[in-house]
C-alpha atoms as a PDB file:
ATOM      1  CA  MET A   1     -93.554   0.106  15.688  1.00  0.00           C
ATOM      2  CA  LYS A   2     -93.107  -2.518  18.355  1.00  0.00           C
ATOM      3  CA  ILE A   3     -93.978  -5.237  16.200  1.00  0.00           C
ATOM      4  CA  HIS A   4     -90.961  -4.262  14.057  1.00  0.00           C
ATOM      5  CA  LEU A   5     -88.765  -4.203  17.080  1.00  0.00           C
ATOM      6  CA  VAL A   6     -89.424  -7.702  18.239  1.00  0.00           C
ATOM      7  CA  PRO A   7     -87.975  -9.462  15.336  1.00  0.00           C
ATOM      8  CA  ALA A   8     -84.956  -6.934  15.441  1.00  0.00           C
ATOM      9  CA  ALA A   9     -84.122  -7.404  18.934  1.00  0.00           C
ATOM     10  CA  ALA A  10     -84.585 -11.397  18.153  1.00  0.00           C
ATOM     11  CA  GLY A  11     -81.869 -11.082  15.663  1.00  0.00           C
ATOM     12  CA  PHE A  12     -79.530  -9.315  17.646  1.00  0.00           C
ATOM     13  CA  VAL A  13     -79.729 -11.734  20.556  1.00  0.00           C
ATOM     14  CA  LEU A  14     -78.909 -14.596  17.849  1.00  0.00           C
ATOM     15  CA  LEU A  15     -76.178 -12.346  16.247  1.00  0.00           C
ATOM     16  CA  ALA A  16     -74.793 -11.801  19.815  1.00  0.00           C
ATOM     17  CA  GLY A  17     -74.951 -15.630  20.715  1.00  0.00           C
ATOM     18  CA  ILE A  18     -72.921 -16.584  17.640  1.00  0.00           C
ATOM     19  CA  GLY A  19     -70.446 -14.146  18.628  1.00  0.00           C
ATOM     20  CA  VAL A  20     -70.237 -15.339  21.995  1.00  0.00           C
ATOM     21  CA  ALA A  21     -69.832 -19.008  20.536  1.00  0.00           C
ATOM     22  CA  ALA A  22     -67.140 -18.011  18.281  1.00  0.00           C
ATOM     23  CA  ALA A  23     -65.372 -16.030  20.917  1.00  0.00           C
ATOM     24  CA  ASP A  24     -65.059 -19.503  22.762  1.00  0.00           C
ATOM     25  CA  GLN A  25     -63.142 -21.010  19.912  1.00  0.00           C
ATOM     26  CA  VAL A  26     -59.481 -21.993  20.894  1.00  0.00           C
ATOM     27  CA  ILE A  27     -57.073 -21.287  18.045  1.00  0.00           C
ATOM     28  CA  VAL A  28     -53.758 -23.040  18.600  1.00  0.00           C
ATOM     29  CA  THR A  29     -51.030 -21.242  16.303  1.00  0.00           C
ATOM     30  CA  PRO A  30     -48.762 -23.577  14.169  1.00  0.00           C
ATOM     31  CA  GLU A  31     -45.925 -22.773  16.545  1.00  0.00           C
ATOM     32  CA  GLN A  32     -47.779 -24.071  19.314  1.00  0.00           C
ATOM     33  CA  GLN A  33     -48.849 -26.957  17.699  1.00  0.00           C
ATOM     34  CA  THR A  34     -45.119 -27.895  16.757  1.00  0.00           C
ATOM     35  CA  ILE A  35     -44.319 -27.665  20.340  1.00  0.00           C
ATOM     36  CA  ILE A  36     -47.207 -29.549  21.515  1.00  0.00           C
ATOM     37  CA  ARG A  37     -46.285 -32.706  19.200  1.00  0.00           C
ATOM     38  CA  GLU A  38     -42.766 -32.468  19.857  1.00  0.00           C
ATOM     39  CA  HIS A  39     -43.471 -32.538  23.963  1.00  0.00           C
ATOM     40  CA  VAL A  40     -46.226 -35.183  23.553  1.00  0.00           C
ATOM     41  CA  GLN A  41     -43.873 -37.423  21.512  1.00  0.00           C
ATOM     42  CA  LYS A  42     -40.672 -36.961  23.990  1.00  0.00           C
ATOM     43  CA  HIS A  43     -43.037 -37.467  26.871  1.00  0.00           C
ATOM     44  CA  PRO A  44     -45.427 -40.253  26.196  1.00  0.00           C
ATOM     45  CA  LEU A  45     -48.265 -40.751  28.780  1.00  0.00           C
ATOM     46  CA  ALA A  46     -49.808 -43.869  29.643  1.00  0.00           C
ATOM     47  CA  SER A  47     -53.510 -43.782  28.328  1.00  0.00           C
ATOM     48  CA  VAL A  48     -56.549 -43.458  30.961  1.00  0.00           C
ATOM     49  CA  SER A  49     -59.667 -45.140  30.114  1.00  0.00           C
ATOM     50  CA  LEU A  50     -62.874 -43.103  30.691  1.00  0.00           C
ATOM     51  CA  LEU A  51     -66.426 -44.796  30.565  1.00  0.00           C
ATOM     52  CA  GLY A  52     -68.994 -42.462  29.404  1.00  0.00           C
ATOM     53  CA  VAL A  53     -66.869 -39.746  28.550  1.00  0.00           C
ATOM     54  CA  GLU A  54     -66.882 -38.591  24.733  1.00  0.00           C
ATOM     55  CA  LEU A  55     -63.417 -37.183  23.526  1.00  0.00           C
ATOM     56  CA  ASN A  56     -65.002 -34.079  21.470  1.00  0.00           C
ATOM     57  CA  VAL A  57     -64.084 -30.411  21.865  1.00  0.00           C
ATOM     58  CA  GLY A  58     -65.894 -28.730  24.788  1.00  0.00           C
ATOM     59  CA  SER A  59     -65.989 -32.240  26.789  1.00  0.00           C
ATOM     60  CA  ALA A  60     -64.693 -31.913  30.523  1.00  0.00           C
ATOM     61  CA  LEU A  61     -62.196 -34.395  31.914  1.00  0.00           C
ATOM     62  CA  PRO A  62     -63.046 -35.343  35.640  1.00  0.00           C
ATOM     63  CA  ASP A  63     -60.582 -34.497  38.164  1.00  0.00           C
ATOM     64  CA  THR A  64     -59.133 -38.151  38.081  1.00  0.00           C
ATOM     65  CA  VAL A  65     -57.442 -37.258  35.173  1.00  0.00           C
ATOM     66  CA  GLU A  66     -54.214 -36.124  35.712  1.00  0.00           C
ATOM     67  CA  LEU A  67     -53.060 -33.209  33.417  1.00  0.00           C
ATOM     68  CA  GLN A  68     -49.228 -32.663  32.313  1.00  0.00           C
ATOM     69  CA  SER A  69     -47.963 -29.308  31.198  1.00  0.00           C
ATOM     70  CA  ILE A  70     -46.545 -28.312  28.256  1.00  0.00           C
ATOM     71  CA  PRO A  71     -43.544 -25.481  28.117  1.00  0.00           C
ATOM     72  CA  ASP A  72     -44.648 -22.329  26.866  1.00  0.00           C
ATOM     73  CA  VAL A  73     -48.260 -23.317  26.186  1.00  0.00           C
ATOM     74  CA  GLN A  74     -51.105 -22.430  28.398  1.00  0.00           C
ATOM     75  CA  TYR A  75     -52.960 -25.796  27.940  1.00  0.00           C
ATOM     76  CA  ARG A  76     -52.200 -29.126  29.248  1.00  0.00           C
ATOM     77  CA  TYR A  77     -52.511 -32.463  27.790  1.00  0.00           C
ATOM     78  CA  ALA A  78     -53.574 -36.147  28.705  1.00  0.00           C
ATOM     79  CA  VAL A  79     -53.845 -39.323  26.894  1.00  0.00           C
ATOM     80  CA  VAL A  80     -57.358 -40.937  27.299  1.00  0.00           C
ATOM     81  CA  ASP A  81     -58.190 -43.984  25.601  1.00  0.00           C
ATOM     82  CA  ASN A  82     -55.433 -43.943  23.407  1.00  0.00           C
ATOM     83  CA  ARG A  83     -55.920 -40.115  22.121  1.00  0.00           C
ATOM     84  CA  THR A  84     -54.036 -37.227  23.282  1.00  0.00           C
ATOM     85  CA  VAL A  85     -56.040 -34.329  24.315  1.00  0.00           C
ATOM     86  CA  LEU A  86     -55.339 -30.758  24.597  1.00  0.00           C
ATOM     87  CA  VAL A  87     -57.255 -29.277  27.788  1.00  0.00           C
ATOM     88  CA  ASP A  88     -57.780 -25.904  29.250  1.00  0.00           C
ATOM     89  CA  PRO A  89     -56.820 -26.524  33.060  1.00  0.00           C
ATOM     90  CA  GLY A  90     -59.178 -24.033  34.436  1.00  0.00           C
ATOM     91  CA  THR A  91     -62.158 -25.826  33.075  1.00  0.00           C
ATOM     92  CA  ARG A  92     -60.783 -28.917  32.506  1.00  0.00           C
ATOM     93  CA  ARG A  93     -62.649 -28.766  29.114  1.00  0.00           C
ATOM     94  CA  ILE A  94     -61.172 -30.303  25.891  1.00  0.00           C
ATOM     95  CA  VAL A  95     -59.796 -27.517  23.325  1.00  0.00           C
ATOM     96  CA  GLN A  96     -58.398 -29.832  20.883  1.00  0.00           C
ATOM     97  CA  VAL A  97     -58.058 -33.797  20.120  1.00  0.00           C
ATOM     98  CA  ILE A  98     -54.598 -34.317  18.857  1.00  0.00           C
ATOM     99  CA  ASP A  99     -54.594 -37.582  16.375  1.00  0.00           C
END
């Protein structure tokens, strides 16, 4: 009986991990996308160069990068290596790279 429980428990843990990973995904609504793009175009920032930091979703920006707010959006933005990134201000992790 115990032999059957081990694979079942392992499968449950795997599924729970997938659920947690999916919960970490950030969904930016089309309305927020429009607000973000318009704000970034109206308020351009100088680009900051960062060596050794990959601009991927989930990558953290160092404290030296100043984050700018966007009205009606919980996230902040910065321009790094000529790419605009949307950042969670609490974790400083990139939630979206805007091209």
